[in-house]
Amino acid sequence: MSTGDIFQIGLIAAGGVLIFVGDKIHVPNLLNLGVATIGFGVVAMGAGAVLKRRIEFREKNRAVGVTYRGLAAAAWGLLLALFGVAIMGAAAASVLGMRDALLEVVKAHPGLLVAPLGLVMILRGIAGVIGPDDTRRSIWSALSQAVYRFGGLILLAFGVLTVVLAIWDLRSPGTLRRLVESLASSALALLEQVG
């Protein structure tokens, strides 16, 4: 375990302690500081993955973790950094008393929320298409990797579509809401015909 890994884990653990203490002594800003510290730890993990071009995830049912290298690791790193920034932003909005105003802005312009979700799908899709390192050479392993990569390709396509819809909604407010309402009414009409 490297010094950077210990730092990242330490930040997340410290954030957890701050949240626990802030909740127990009823100090909301201490709780928010804990949330922001966890967010910073997640950003540090993402930055570490981008800089090292390597990230490993442990799985319960496997003796060894799943390792991503190169562009796949960078995609995971950017995804984690984006997630960490969102966590820190939520904590900052709460501390500054802007949470309700921010929610109103997102309700009025859902593309502001949908675009980052699309970016998350794109980054996860890239990591899926490239796939993790796999030293196993069995037919089952090759088949599971093909399915995993195909799933990544689908997620990548949905991510691009989501970002396009978000940009469209930001340029023409209400577009996304009308699209969702139209799809919902079409789905309900279809269900009524079937049922």
C-alpha atoms as a PDB file:
ATOM      1  CA  MET A   1       0.000   0.000   0.000  1.00  0.00           C
ATOM      2  CA  SER A   2       1.486   3.320  -1.074  1.00  0.00           C
ATOM      3  CA  THR A   3       1.601   6.575   0.863  1.00  0.00           C
ATOM      4  CA  GLY A   4      -1.030   8.000  -1.495  1.00  0.00           C
ATOM      5  CA  ASP A   5      -3.352   5.074  -0.775  1.00  0.00           C
ATOM      6  CA  ILE A   6      -2.937   5.582   2.976  1.00  0.00           C
ATOM      7  CA  PHE A   7      -3.662   9.326   2.539  1.00  0.00           C
ATOM      8  CA  GLN A   8      -6.844   8.600   0.561  1.00  0.00           C
ATOM      9  CA  ILE A   9      -8.097   6.045   3.062  1.00  0.00           C
ATOM     10  CA  GLY A  10      -7.167   8.384   5.915  1.00  0.00           C
ATOM     11  CA  LEU A  11      -9.224  11.214   4.404  1.00  0.00           C
ATOM     12  CA  ILE A  12     -12.272   8.995   4.035  1.00  0.00           C
ATOM     13  CA  ALA A  13     -11.877   7.617   7.576  1.00  0.00           C
ATOM     14  CA  ALA A  14     -11.407  11.138   8.997  1.00  0.00           C
ATOM     15  CA  GLY A  15     -14.520  12.267   7.130  1.00  0.00           C
ATOM     16  CA  GLY A  16     -16.467   9.388   8.628  1.00  0.00           C
ATOM     17  CA  VAL A  17     -15.301  10.335  12.130  1.00  0.00           C
ATOM     18  CA  LEU A  18     -16.251  14.000  11.549  1.00  0.00           C
ATOM     19  CA  ILE A  19     -19.709  12.961  10.352  1.00  0.00           C
ATOM     20  CA  PHE A  20     -20.190  10.703  13.373  1.00  0.00           C
ATOM     21  CA  VAL A  21     -19.037  13.357  15.853  1.00  0.00           C
ATOM     22  CA  GLY A  22     -20.968  16.144  14.105  1.00  0.00           C
ATOM     23  CA  ASP A  23     -24.127  14.061  14.262  1.00  0.00           C
ATOM     24  CA  LYS A  24     -23.636  13.075  17.925  1.00  0.00           C
ATOM     25  CA  ILE A  25     -22.982  16.621  19.169  1.00  0.00           C
ATOM     26  CA  HIS A  26     -25.494  18.178  16.746  1.00  0.00           C
ATOM     27  CA  VAL A  27     -23.067  20.452  14.872  1.00  0.00           C
ATOM     28  CA  PRO A  28     -24.215  20.484  11.219  1.00  0.00           C
ATOM     29  CA  ASN A  29     -21.112  22.280   9.936  1.00  0.00           C
ATOM     30  CA  LEU A  30     -18.877  19.582  11.436  1.00  0.00           C
ATOM     31  CA  LEU A  31     -21.040  16.987   9.723  1.00  0.00           C
ATOM     32  CA  ASN A  32     -20.724  18.909   6.426  1.00  0.00           C
ATOM     33  CA  LEU A  33     -16.955  19.134   6.914  1.00  0.00           C
ATOM     34  CA  GLY A  34     -16.928  15.349   7.233  1.00  0.00           C
ATOM     35  CA  VAL A  35     -18.905  14.968   4.016  1.00  0.00           C
ATOM     36  CA  ALA A  36     -16.523  17.367   2.235  1.00  0.00           C
ATOM     37  CA  THR A  37     -13.512  15.459   3.608  1.00  0.00           C
ATOM     38  CA  ILE A  38     -14.895  12.202   2.221  1.00  0.00           C
ATOM     39  CA  GLY A  39     -15.459  13.963  -1.107  1.00  0.00           C
ATOM     40  CA  PHE A  40     -11.856  15.166  -1.071  1.00  0.00           C
ATOM     41  CA  GLY A  41     -10.704  11.612  -0.356  1.00  0.00           C
ATOM     42  CA  VAL A  42     -12.685  10.340  -3.348  1.00  0.00           C
ATOM     43  CA  VAL A  43     -11.167  13.107  -5.533  1.00  0.00           C
ATOM     44  CA  ALA A  44      -7.711  12.048  -4.289  1.00  0.00           C
ATOM     45  CA  MET A  45      -8.474   8.430  -5.240  1.00  0.00           C
ATOM     46  CA  GLY A  46      -9.530   9.552  -8.690  1.00  0.00           C
ATOM     47  CA  ALA A  47      -6.451  11.731  -9.134  1.00  0.00           C
ATOM     48  CA  GLY A  48      -4.256   8.845  -7.999  1.00  0.00           C
ATOM     49  CA  ALA A  49      -5.829   6.543 -10.590  1.00  0.00           C
ATOM     50  CA  VAL A  50      -5.320   9.121 -13.354  1.00  0.00           C
ATOM     51  CA  LEU A  51      -1.702   9.828 -12.367  1.00  0.00           C
ATOM     52  CA  LYS A  52      -0.713   6.184 -11.805  1.00  0.00           C
ATOM     53  CA  ARG A  53      -2.844   5.002 -14.739  1.00  0.00           C
ATOM     54  CA  ARG A  54      -3.871   2.099 -12.533  1.00  0.00           C
ATOM     55  CA  ILE A  55      -6.750   1.361 -10.168  1.00  0.00           C
ATOM     56  CA  GLU A  56      -7.749  -1.819  -8.382  1.00  0.00           C
ATOM     57  CA  PHE A  57     -11.098  -2.829  -6.947  1.00  0.00           C
ATOM     58  CA  ARG A  58     -11.473  -5.672  -4.478  1.00  0.00           C
ATOM     59  CA  GLU A  59     -14.347  -8.096  -4.813  1.00  0.00           C
ATOM     60  CA  LYS A  60     -15.761 -10.214  -2.011  1.00  0.00           C
ATOM     61  CA  ASN A  61     -15.827 -13.447  -3.976  1.00  0.00           C
ATOM     62  CA  ARG A  62     -12.345 -13.176  -5.537  1.00  0.00           C
ATOM     63  CA  ALA A  63      -8.990 -13.658  -3.882  1.00  0.00           C
ATOM     64  CA  VAL A  64      -7.467 -10.933  -6.060  1.00  0.00           C
ATOM     65  CA  GLY A  65      -8.894  -7.617  -7.120  1.00  0.00           C
ATOM     66  CA  VAL A  66      -9.866  -6.390 -10.558  1.00  0.00           C
ATOM     67  CA  THR A  67      -7.206  -4.078 -11.977  1.00  0.00           C
ATOM     68  CA  TYR A  68      -7.722  -1.442 -14.653  1.00  0.00           C
ATOM     69  CA  ARG A  69      -4.742   0.154 -16.407  1.00  0.00           C
ATOM     70  CA  GLY A  70      -4.165   2.934 -18.896  1.00  0.00           C
ATOM     71  CA  LEU A  71      -7.183   4.699 -20.354  1.00  0.00           C
ATOM     72  CA  ALA A  72      -9.607   2.479 -18.409  1.00  0.00           C
ATOM     73  CA  ALA A  73      -7.943   3.511 -15.130  1.00  0.00           C
ATOM     74  CA  ALA A  74      -8.001   7.167 -16.204  1.00  0.00           C
ATOM     75  CA  ALA A  75     -11.730   6.885 -16.968  1.00  0.00           C
ATOM     76  CA  TRP A  76     -12.359   5.389 -13.528  1.00  0.00           C
ATOM     77  CA  GLY A  77     -10.188   8.109 -11.984  1.00  0.00           C
ATOM     78  CA  LEU A  78     -12.106  10.908 -13.693  1.00  0.00           C
ATOM     79  CA  LEU A  79     -15.381   9.284 -12.660  1.00  0.00           C
ATOM     80  CA  LEU A  80     -14.259   9.150  -9.021  1.00  0.00           C
ATOM     81  CA  ALA A  81     -13.003  12.745  -9.173  1.00  0.00           C
ATOM     82  CA  LEU A  82     -16.341  13.902 -10.600  1.00  0.00           C
ATOM     83  CA  PHE A  83     -18.191  12.019  -7.868  1.00  0.00           C
ATOM     84  CA  GLY A  84     -15.934  13.508  -5.176  1.00  0.00           C
ATOM     85  CA  VAL A  85     -16.436  17.041  -6.491  1.00  0.00           C
ATOM     86  CA  ALA A  86     -20.209  16.469  -6.407  1.00  0.00           C
ATOM     87  CA  ILE A  87     -19.967  15.338  -2.776  1.00  0.00           C
ATOM     88  CA  MET A  88     -17.891  18.398  -1.853  1.00  0.00           C
ATOM     89  CA  GLY A  89     -20.290  20.657  -3.762  1.00  0.00           C
ATOM     90  CA  ALA A  90     -23.261  19.266  -1.863  1.00  0.00           C
ATOM     91  CA  ALA A  91     -21.490  19.893   1.446  1.00  0.00           C
ATOM     92  CA  ALA A  92     -20.523  23.431   0.402  1.00  0.00           C
ATOM     93  CA  ALA A  93     -24.085  24.204  -0.728  1.00  0.00           C
ATOM     94  CA  SER A  94     -25.380  23.048   2.645  1.00  0.00           C
ATOM     95  CA  VAL A  95     -22.832  25.111   4.611  1.00  0.00           C
ATOM     96  CA  LEU A  96     -23.518  28.224   2.519  1.00  0.00           C
ATOM     97  CA  GLY A  97     -27.285  27.796   2.874  1.00  0.00           C
ATOM     98  CA  MET A  98     -27.690  27.385  -0.872  1.00  0.00           C
ATOM     99  CA  ARG A  99     -29.083  23.851  -0.932  1.00  0.00           C
ATOM    100  CA  ASP A 100     -32.721  24.850  -1.508  1.00  0.00           C
ATOM    101  CA  ALA A 101     -31.810  27.450  -4.141  1.00  0.00           C
ATOM    102  CA  LEU A 102     -29.610  24.887  -5.894  1.00  0.00           C
ATOM    103  CA  LEU A 103     -32.464  22.362  -5.925  1.00  0.00           C
ATOM    104  CA  GLU A 104     -34.756  24.979  -7.491  1.00  0.00           C
ATOM    105  CA  VAL A 105     -32.193  25.698 -10.223  1.00  0.00           C
ATOM    106  CA  VAL A 106     -31.870  21.973 -10.968  1.00  0.00           C
ATOM    107  CA  LYS A 107     -35.667  21.600 -11.060  1.00  0.00           C
ATOM    108  CA  ALA A 108     -35.878  24.465 -13.549  1.00  0.00           C
ATOM    109  CA  HIS A 109     -32.952  23.150 -15.622  1.00  0.00           C
ATOM    110  CA  PRO A 110     -32.694  19.354 -15.188  1.00  0.00           C
ATOM    111  CA  GLY A 111     -29.987  19.290 -17.849  1.00  0.00           C
ATOM    112  CA  LEU A 112     -27.597  20.571 -15.165  1.00  0.00           C
ATOM    113  CA  LEU A 113     -28.039  17.267 -13.349  1.00  0.00           C
ATOM    114  CA  VAL A 114     -28.503  15.043 -16.386  1.00  0.00           C
ATOM    115  CA  ALA A 115     -25.263  16.157 -18.110  1.00  0.00           C
ATOM    116  CA  PRO A 116     -22.975  14.972 -15.280  1.00  0.00           C
ATOM    117  CA  LEU A 117     -24.926  11.703 -15.091  1.00  0.00           C
ATOM    118  CA  GLY A 118     -24.307  11.246 -18.804  1.00  0.00           C
ATOM    119  CA  LEU A 119     -20.623  11.977 -18.269  1.00  0.00           C
ATOM    120  CA  VAL A 120     -20.530   9.321 -15.545  1.00  0.00           C
ATOM    121  CA  MET A 121     -22.077   6.817 -17.984  1.00  0.00           C
ATOM    122  CA  ILE A 122     -19.553   7.787 -20.673  1.00  0.00           C
ATOM    123  CA  LEU A 123     -16.574   7.339 -18.341  1.00  0.00           C
ATOM    124  CA  ARG A 124     -17.902   4.038 -16.976  1.00  0.00           C
ATOM    125  CA  GLY A 125     -18.639   2.915 -20.528  1.00  0.00           C
ATOM    126  CA  ILE A 126     -15.064   3.688 -21.629  1.00  0.00           C
ATOM    127  CA  ALA A 127     -13.713   1.668 -18.708  1.00  0.00           C
ATOM    128  CA  GLY A 128     -16.088  -1.155 -19.627  1.00  0.00           C
ATOM    129  CA  VAL A 129     -15.182  -1.178 -23.322  1.00  0.00           C
ATOM    130  CA  ILE A 130     -11.464  -1.327 -22.529  1.00  0.00           C
ATOM    131  CA  GLY A 131     -12.044  -3.695 -19.636  1.00  0.00           C
ATOM    132  CA  PRO A 132      -9.875  -4.760 -16.724  1.00  0.00           C
ATOM    133  CA  ASP A 133      -6.633  -6.685 -16.930  1.00  0.00           C
ATOM    134  CA  ASP A 134      -7.433 -10.362 -17.154  1.00  0.00           C
ATOM    135  CA  THR A 135      -4.623 -12.880 -17.035  1.00  0.00           C
ATOM    136  CA  ARG A 136      -6.991 -15.855 -17.206  1.00  0.00           C
ATOM    137  CA  ARG A 137      -7.099 -17.503 -20.617  1.00  0.00           C
ATOM    138  CA  SER A 138     -10.200 -19.656 -20.366  1.00  0.00           C
ATOM    139  CA  ILE A 139     -13.108 -19.636 -22.795  1.00  0.00           C
ATOM    140  CA  TRP A 140     -15.413 -18.574 -19.953  1.00  0.00           C
ATOM    141  CA  SER A 141     -13.143 -15.615 -19.200  1.00  0.00           C
ATOM    142  CA  ALA A 142     -13.105 -14.543 -22.858  1.00  0.00           C
ATOM    143  CA  LEU A 143     -16.898 -14.812 -23.051  1.00  0.00           C
ATOM    144  CA  SER A 144     -17.439 -12.838 -19.846  1.00  0.00           C
ATOM    145  CA  GLN A 145     -15.015 -10.139 -21.066  1.00  0.00           C
ATOM    146  CA  ALA A 146     -16.907  -9.878 -24.367  1.00  0.00           C
ATOM    147  CA  VAL A 147     -20.211  -9.434 -22.525  1.00  0.00           C
ATOM    148  CA  TYR A 148     -18.591  -6.893 -20.179  1.00  0.00           C
ATOM    149  CA  ARG A 149     -17.196  -4.899 -23.112  1.00  0.00           C
ATOM    150  CA  PHE A 150     -20.537  -4.978 -24.942  1.00  0.00           C
ATOM    151  CA  GLY A 151     -22.226  -3.675 -21.791  1.00  0.00           C
ATOM    152  CA  GLY A 152     -19.627  -0.909 -21.671  1.00  0.00           C
ATOM    153  CA  LEU A 153     -20.399  -0.007 -25.272  1.00  0.00           C
ATOM    154  CA  ILE A 154     -24.128   0.214 -24.511  1.00  0.00           C
ATOM    155  CA  LEU A 155     -23.440   2.368 -21.450  1.00  0.00           C
ATOM    156  CA  LEU A 156     -21.154   4.603 -23.519  1.00  0.00           C
ATOM    157  CA  ALA A 157     -23.900   5.088 -26.122  1.00  0.00           C
ATOM    158  CA  PHE A 158     -26.504   5.882 -23.431  1.00  0.00           C
ATOM    159  CA  GLY A 159     -24.058   8.322 -21.861  1.00  0.00           C
ATOM    160  CA  VAL A 160     -23.538  10.189 -25.122  1.00  0.00           C
ATOM    161  CA  LEU A 161     -27.304  10.277 -25.698  1.00  0.00           C
ATOM    162  CA  THR A 162     -27.856  11.563 -22.160  1.00  0.00           C
ATOM    163  CA  VAL A 163     -25.302  14.363 -22.565  1.00  0.00           C
ATOM    164  CA  VAL A 164     -26.853  15.350 -25.912  1.00  0.00           C
ATOM    165  CA  LEU A 165     -30.320  15.466 -24.287  1.00  0.00           C
ATOM    166  CA  ALA A 166     -28.948  17.525 -21.395  1.00  0.00           C
ATOM    167  CA  ILE A 167     -27.308  20.037 -23.736  1.00  0.00           C
ATOM    168  CA  TRP A 168     -30.502  20.207 -25.775  1.00  0.00           C
ATOM    169  CA  ASP A 169     -32.486  20.884 -22.588  1.00  0.00           C
ATOM    170  CA  LEU A 170     -30.052  23.586 -21.469  1.00  0.00           C
ATOM    171  CA  ARG A 171     -30.306  25.314 -24.844  1.00  0.00           C
ATOM    172  CA  SER A 172     -34.087  24.928 -24.993  1.00  0.00           C
ATOM    173  CA  PRO A 173     -35.439  24.760 -21.407  1.00  0.00           C
ATOM    174  CA  GLY A 174     -38.302  22.345 -20.837  1.00  0.00           C
ATOM    175  CA  THR A 175     -37.290  19.958 -23.624  1.00  0.00           C
ATOM    176  CA  LEU A 176     -36.252  17.188 -21.257  1.00  0.00           C
ATOM    177  CA  ARG A 177     -39.399  17.540 -19.149  1.00  0.00           C
ATOM    178  CA  ARG A 178     -41.620  17.390 -22.251  1.00  0.00           C
ATOM    179  CA  LEU A 179     -39.719  14.343 -23.530  1.00  0.00           C
ATOM    180  CA  VAL A 180     -40.112  12.496 -20.219  1.00  0.00           C
ATOM    181  CA  GLU A 181     -43.815  13.395 -20.031  1.00  0.00           C
ATOM    182  CA  SER A 182     -44.318  12.221 -23.623  1.00  0.00           C
ATOM    183  CA  LEU A 183     -42.515   8.925 -22.981  1.00  0.00           C
ATOM    184  CA  ALA A 184     -44.476   8.386 -19.758  1.00  0.00           C
ATOM    185  CA  SER A 185     -47.840   9.011 -21.432  1.00  0.00           C
ATOM    186  CA  SER A 186     -46.877   6.723 -24.341  1.00  0.00           C
ATOM    187  CA  ALA A 187     -45.853   3.986 -21.901  1.00  0.00           C
ATOM    188  CA  LEU A 188     -49.112   4.345 -19.956  1.00  0.00           C
ATOM    189  CA  ALA A 189     -51.146   4.212 -23.178  1.00  0.00           C
ATOM    190  CA  LEU A 190     -49.279   1.061 -24.219  1.00  0.00           C
ATOM    191  CA  LEU A 191     -49.918  -0.537 -20.822  1.00  0.00           C
ATOM    192  CA  GLU A 192     -53.628   0.283 -21.075  1.00  0.00           C
ATOM    193  CA  GLN A 193     -53.802  -1.397 -24.503  1.00  0.00           C
ATOM    194  CA  VAL A 194     -52.009  -4.504 -23.252  1.00  0.00           C
ATOM    195  CA  GLY A 195     -53.933  -4.723 -19.942  1.00  0.00           C
END
